[in-house]
């Protein structure tokens, strides 16, 4: 985002450390914000963060005494979980928590897969891996071989 003086916010925050007397940039803080994030520090760090997130989420999922699938099945039993009952509402709440946890687990796994693709593309560009493009019966392409 640009400030009134036309300077990007992250540059203004960095300049504040050099010249705190400039009133055009004095209202900015020196600390980075999520708006300053453009690129990961490294794929290794990003991969470690996603693995850590995945371990945490899977650990919390394991703390529940039944699975998300069981919760969905249980909520179909209106004899045991009667509509508008506290028991049903509690089950709905827990099901929602599990859905969110499963979403973040899928998100972390997908991010790890994408990082794998990025790493392979970088290796190909560097010449560390040779890409042999062949089309088989199924139409699939791309067999990599180390050089």
C-alpha atoms as a PDB file:
ATOM      1  CA  UNK A   1       0.000   0.000   0.000  1.00  0.00           C
ATOM      2  CA  UNK A   2       1.231   3.496  -0.792  1.00  0.00           C
ATOM      3  CA  UNK A   3       1.238   6.370   1.673  1.00  0.00           C
ATOM      4  CA  UNK A   4       0.145   9.944   0.977  1.00  0.00           C
ATOM      5  CA  UNK A   5       3.686  10.848  -0.109  1.00  0.00           C
ATOM      6  CA  UNK A   6       3.685   8.048  -2.741  1.00  0.00           C
ATOM      7  CA  UNK A   7       6.093   5.856  -0.825  1.00  0.00           C
ATOM      8  CA  UNK A   8       5.214   2.172  -0.309  1.00  0.00           C
ATOM      9  CA  UNK A   9       4.401   1.452   3.341  1.00  0.00           C
ATOM     10  CA  UNK A  10       7.194  -1.074   3.870  1.00  0.00           C
ATOM     11  CA  UNK A  11       9.771   1.350   2.445  1.00  0.00           C
ATOM     12  CA  UNK A  12       8.431   4.125   4.641  1.00  0.00           C
ATOM     13  CA  UNK A  13       8.732   1.884   7.706  1.00  0.00           C
ATOM     14  CA  UNK A  14      12.312   1.005   6.782  1.00  0.00           C
ATOM     15  CA  UNK A  15      13.200   4.653   6.158  1.00  0.00           C
ATOM     16  CA  UNK A  16      11.783   5.625   9.527  1.00  0.00           C
ATOM     17  CA  UNK A  17      14.632   3.729  11.099  1.00  0.00           C
ATOM     18  CA  UNK A  18      17.048   5.936   9.142  1.00  0.00           C
ATOM     19  CA  UNK A  19      15.238   9.252   9.506  1.00  0.00           C
ATOM     20  CA  UNK A  20      12.686   9.461  12.310  1.00  0.00           C
ATOM     21  CA  UNK A  21      12.348  13.208  11.892  1.00  0.00           C
ATOM     22  CA  UNK A  22      10.587  13.067   8.513  1.00  0.00           C
ATOM     23  CA  UNK A  23       6.924  13.940   9.248  1.00  0.00           C
ATOM     24  CA  UNK A  24       5.749  12.263   6.029  1.00  0.00           C
ATOM     25  CA  UNK A  25       6.814   8.878   7.354  1.00  0.00           C
ATOM     26  CA  UNK A  26       6.787   9.483  11.101  1.00  0.00           C
ATOM     27  CA  UNK A  27       3.310   7.926  11.524  1.00  0.00           C
ATOM     28  CA  UNK A  28       4.516   4.500  10.292  1.00  0.00           C
ATOM     29  CA  UNK A  29       5.896   1.862  12.600  1.00  0.00           C
ATOM     30  CA  UNK A  30       9.182   0.112  11.872  1.00  0.00           C
ATOM     31  CA  UNK A  31       7.706  -3.356  12.396  1.00  0.00           C
ATOM     32  CA  UNK A  32       6.776  -5.551   9.464  1.00  0.00           C
ATOM     33  CA  UNK A  33       3.140  -6.390   8.951  1.00  0.00           C
ATOM     34  CA  UNK A  34       1.349  -9.069   6.961  1.00  0.00           C
ATOM     35  CA  UNK A  35       1.031  -6.523   4.136  1.00  0.00           C
ATOM     36  CA  UNK A  36       4.830  -6.585   3.772  1.00  0.00           C
ATOM     37  CA  UNK A  37       4.899 -10.299   3.027  1.00  0.00           C
ATOM     38  CA  UNK A  38       5.456 -10.945  -0.653  1.00  0.00           C
ATOM     39  CA  UNK A  39       7.701 -14.012  -0.900  1.00  0.00           C
ATOM     40  CA  UNK A  40       8.664 -16.772   1.505  1.00  0.00           C
ATOM     41  CA  UNK A  41      12.057 -16.558   3.184  1.00  0.00           C
ATOM     42  CA  UNK A  42      12.847 -20.014   1.857  1.00  0.00           C
ATOM     43  CA  UNK A  43      11.028 -23.130   0.760  1.00  0.00           C
ATOM     44  CA  UNK A  44      12.744 -25.025   3.564  1.00  0.00           C
ATOM     45  CA  UNK A  45      11.233 -22.675   6.161  1.00  0.00           C
ATOM     46  CA  UNK A  46       7.807 -22.757   4.511  1.00  0.00           C
ATOM     47  CA  UNK A  47       7.886 -26.560   4.332  1.00  0.00           C
ATOM     48  CA  UNK A  48       8.870 -26.754   8.020  1.00  0.00           C
ATOM     49  CA  UNK A  49       6.040 -24.375   8.952  1.00  0.00           C
ATOM     50  CA  UNK A  50       3.463 -26.414   7.008  1.00  0.00           C
ATOM     51  CA  UNK A  51       4.718 -29.690   8.509  1.00  0.00           C
ATOM     52  CA  UNK A  52       4.511 -28.132  11.970  1.00  0.00           C
ATOM     53  CA  UNK A  53       0.968 -26.888  11.292  1.00  0.00           C
ATOM     54  CA  UNK A  54       0.001 -30.339  10.023  1.00  0.00           C
ATOM     55  CA  UNK A  55       1.433 -32.046  13.128  1.00  0.00           C
ATOM     56  CA  UNK A  56      -0.420 -29.654  15.431  1.00  0.00           C
ATOM     57  CA  UNK A  57      -3.738 -30.028  13.594  1.00  0.00           C
ATOM     58  CA  UNK A  58      -3.480 -33.817  13.404  1.00  0.00           C
ATOM     59  CA  UNK A  59      -2.569 -33.907  17.104  1.00  0.00           C
ATOM     60  CA  UNK A  60      -5.688 -31.931  18.007  1.00  0.00           C
ATOM     61  CA  UNK A  61      -7.867 -34.111  15.763  1.00  0.00           C
ATOM     62  CA  UNK A  62      -6.517 -37.177  17.587  1.00  0.00           C
ATOM     63  CA  UNK A  63      -7.675 -35.729  20.926  1.00  0.00           C
ATOM     64  CA  UNK A  64     -11.345 -36.130  19.965  1.00  0.00           C
ATOM     65  CA  UNK A  65     -12.993 -39.359  21.075  1.00  0.00           C
ATOM     66  CA  UNK A  66     -14.639 -40.017  17.690  1.00  0.00           C
ATOM     67  CA  UNK A  67     -14.110 -39.125  14.048  1.00  0.00           C
ATOM     68  CA  UNK A  68     -15.775 -36.476  11.924  1.00  0.00           C
ATOM     69  CA  UNK A  69     -17.429 -39.267   9.948  1.00  0.00           C
ATOM     70  CA  UNK A  70     -18.928 -40.646  13.166  1.00  0.00           C
ATOM     71  CA  UNK A  71     -20.225 -37.187  14.126  1.00  0.00           C
ATOM     72  CA  UNK A  72     -21.984 -36.836  10.762  1.00  0.00           C
ATOM     73  CA  UNK A  73     -23.473 -40.314  11.166  1.00  0.00           C
ATOM     74  CA  UNK A  74     -24.571 -39.567  14.738  1.00  0.00           C
ATOM     75  CA  UNK A  75     -26.304 -36.342  13.694  1.00  0.00           C
ATOM     76  CA  UNK A  76     -28.384 -38.384  11.240  1.00  0.00           C
ATOM     77  CA  UNK A  77     -29.845 -40.280  14.229  1.00  0.00           C
ATOM     78  CA  UNK A  78     -32.579 -37.931  15.412  1.00  0.00           C
ATOM     79  CA  UNK A  79     -33.659 -40.433  18.052  1.00  0.00           C
ATOM     80  CA  UNK A  80     -30.411 -40.065  19.977  1.00  0.00           C
ATOM     81  CA  UNK A  81     -29.662 -36.487  18.920  1.00  0.00           C
ATOM     82  CA  UNK A  82     -33.090 -34.836  18.949  1.00  0.00           C
ATOM     83  CA  UNK A  83     -33.527 -31.547  17.158  1.00  0.00           C
ATOM     84  CA  UNK A  84     -32.962 -28.452  19.315  1.00  0.00           C
ATOM     85  CA  UNK A  85     -31.475 -30.516  22.154  1.00  0.00           C
ATOM     86  CA  UNK A  86     -28.320 -29.456  23.972  1.00  0.00           C
ATOM     87  CA  UNK A  87     -26.748 -32.795  23.099  1.00  0.00           C
ATOM     88  CA  UNK A  88     -27.333 -32.247  19.366  1.00  0.00           C
ATOM     89  CA  UNK A  89     -26.049 -28.668  19.524  1.00  0.00           C
ATOM     90  CA  UNK A  90     -22.900 -29.838  21.318  1.00  0.00           C
ATOM     91  CA  UNK A  91     -22.364 -32.484  18.624  1.00  0.00           C
ATOM     92  CA  UNK A  92     -22.875 -29.861  15.891  1.00  0.00           C
ATOM     93  CA  UNK A  93     -20.319 -27.592  17.590  1.00  0.00           C
ATOM     94  CA  UNK A  94     -17.727 -30.361  17.812  1.00  0.00           C
ATOM     95  CA  UNK A  95     -18.406 -31.390  14.206  1.00  0.00           C
ATOM     96  CA  UNK A  96     -17.723 -27.792  13.130  1.00  0.00           C
ATOM     97  CA  UNK A  97     -14.444 -27.745  15.035  1.00  0.00           C
ATOM     98  CA  UNK A  98     -13.369 -30.960  13.321  1.00  0.00           C
ATOM     99  CA  UNK A  99     -14.367 -29.633   9.888  1.00  0.00           C
ATOM    100  CA  UNK A 100     -12.121 -26.615  10.431  1.00  0.00           C
ATOM    101  CA  UNK A 101      -9.237 -28.800  11.600  1.00  0.00           C
ATOM    102  CA  UNK A 102      -9.639 -31.095   8.587  1.00  0.00           C
ATOM    103  CA  UNK A 103      -9.699 -28.035   6.326  1.00  0.00           C
ATOM    104  CA  UNK A 104      -6.370 -26.803   7.705  1.00  0.00           C
ATOM    105  CA  UNK A 105      -4.855 -30.290   7.486  1.00  0.00           C
ATOM    106  CA  UNK A 106      -5.857 -30.458   3.809  1.00  0.00           C
ATOM    107  CA  UNK A 107      -4.557 -26.933   3.293  1.00  0.00           C
ATOM    108  CA  UNK A 108      -1.156 -27.832   4.817  1.00  0.00           C
ATOM    109  CA  UNK A 109      -0.888 -31.043   2.751  1.00  0.00           C
ATOM    110  CA  UNK A 110      -1.788 -29.141  -0.418  1.00  0.00           C
ATOM    111  CA  UNK A 111       0.791 -26.449   0.379  1.00  0.00           C
ATOM    112  CA  UNK A 112       3.433 -29.147   0.857  1.00  0.00           C
ATOM    113  CA  UNK A 113       2.495 -30.678  -2.502  1.00  0.00           C
ATOM    114  CA  UNK A 114       2.726 -27.280  -4.220  1.00  0.00           C
ATOM    115  CA  UNK A 115       6.123 -26.655  -2.625  1.00  0.00           C
ATOM    116  CA  UNK A 116       7.260 -29.989  -4.030  1.00  0.00           C
ATOM    117  CA  UNK A 117       6.226 -28.842  -7.504  1.00  0.00           C
ATOM    118  CA  UNK A 118       8.062 -25.544  -7.031  1.00  0.00           C
ATOM    119  CA  UNK A 119      11.208 -27.342  -5.863  1.00  0.00           C
ATOM    120  CA  UNK A 120      11.108 -29.662  -8.896  1.00  0.00           C
ATOM    121  CA  UNK A 121      10.670 -26.704 -11.260  1.00  0.00           C
ATOM    122  CA  UNK A 122      13.598 -24.875  -9.643  1.00  0.00           C
ATOM    123  CA  UNK A 123      15.751 -28.010  -9.901  1.00  0.00           C
ATOM    124  CA  UNK A 124      14.871 -28.320 -13.601  1.00  0.00           C
ATOM    125  CA  UNK A 125      15.713 -24.651 -14.191  1.00  0.00           C
ATOM    126  CA  UNK A 126      19.054 -25.056 -12.396  1.00  0.00           C
ATOM    127  CA  UNK A 127      19.808 -28.156 -14.447  1.00  0.00           C
ATOM    128  CA  UNK A 128      19.963 -30.420 -11.383  1.00  0.00           C
ATOM    129  CA  UNK A 129      17.128 -32.534 -12.790  1.00  0.00           C
ATOM    130  CA  UNK A 130      16.443 -33.327 -16.421  1.00  0.00           C
ATOM    131  CA  UNK A 131      12.844 -33.419 -17.568  1.00  0.00           C
ATOM    132  CA  UNK A 132      12.007 -36.148 -20.063  1.00  0.00           C
ATOM    133  CA  UNK A 133       8.563 -35.381 -21.437  1.00  0.00           C
ATOM    134  CA  UNK A 134       6.849 -38.501 -22.688  1.00  0.00           C
ATOM    135  CA  UNK A 135       3.207 -39.189 -23.272  1.00  0.00           C
ATOM    136  CA  UNK A 136       1.900 -42.567 -22.267  1.00  0.00           C
ATOM    137  CA  UNK A 137      -1.434 -44.279 -22.849  1.00  0.00           C
ATOM    138  CA  UNK A 138      -3.084 -42.300 -20.069  1.00  0.00           C
ATOM    139  CA  UNK A 139      -1.882 -39.006 -21.514  1.00  0.00           C
ATOM    140  CA  UNK A 140       0.310 -38.317 -18.499  1.00  0.00           C
ATOM    141  CA  UNK A 141       3.528 -36.465 -19.108  1.00  0.00           C
ATOM    142  CA  UNK A 142       6.708 -35.751 -17.268  1.00  0.00           C
ATOM    143  CA  UNK A 143       9.277 -38.234 -16.117  1.00  0.00           C
ATOM    144  CA  UNK A 144      12.153 -36.678 -14.213  1.00  0.00           C
ATOM    145  CA  UNK A 145      15.608 -38.137 -14.057  1.00  0.00           C
ATOM    146  CA  UNK A 146      18.545 -36.935 -12.004  1.00  0.00           C
ATOM    147  CA  UNK A 147      21.604 -35.775 -13.928  1.00  0.00           C
END
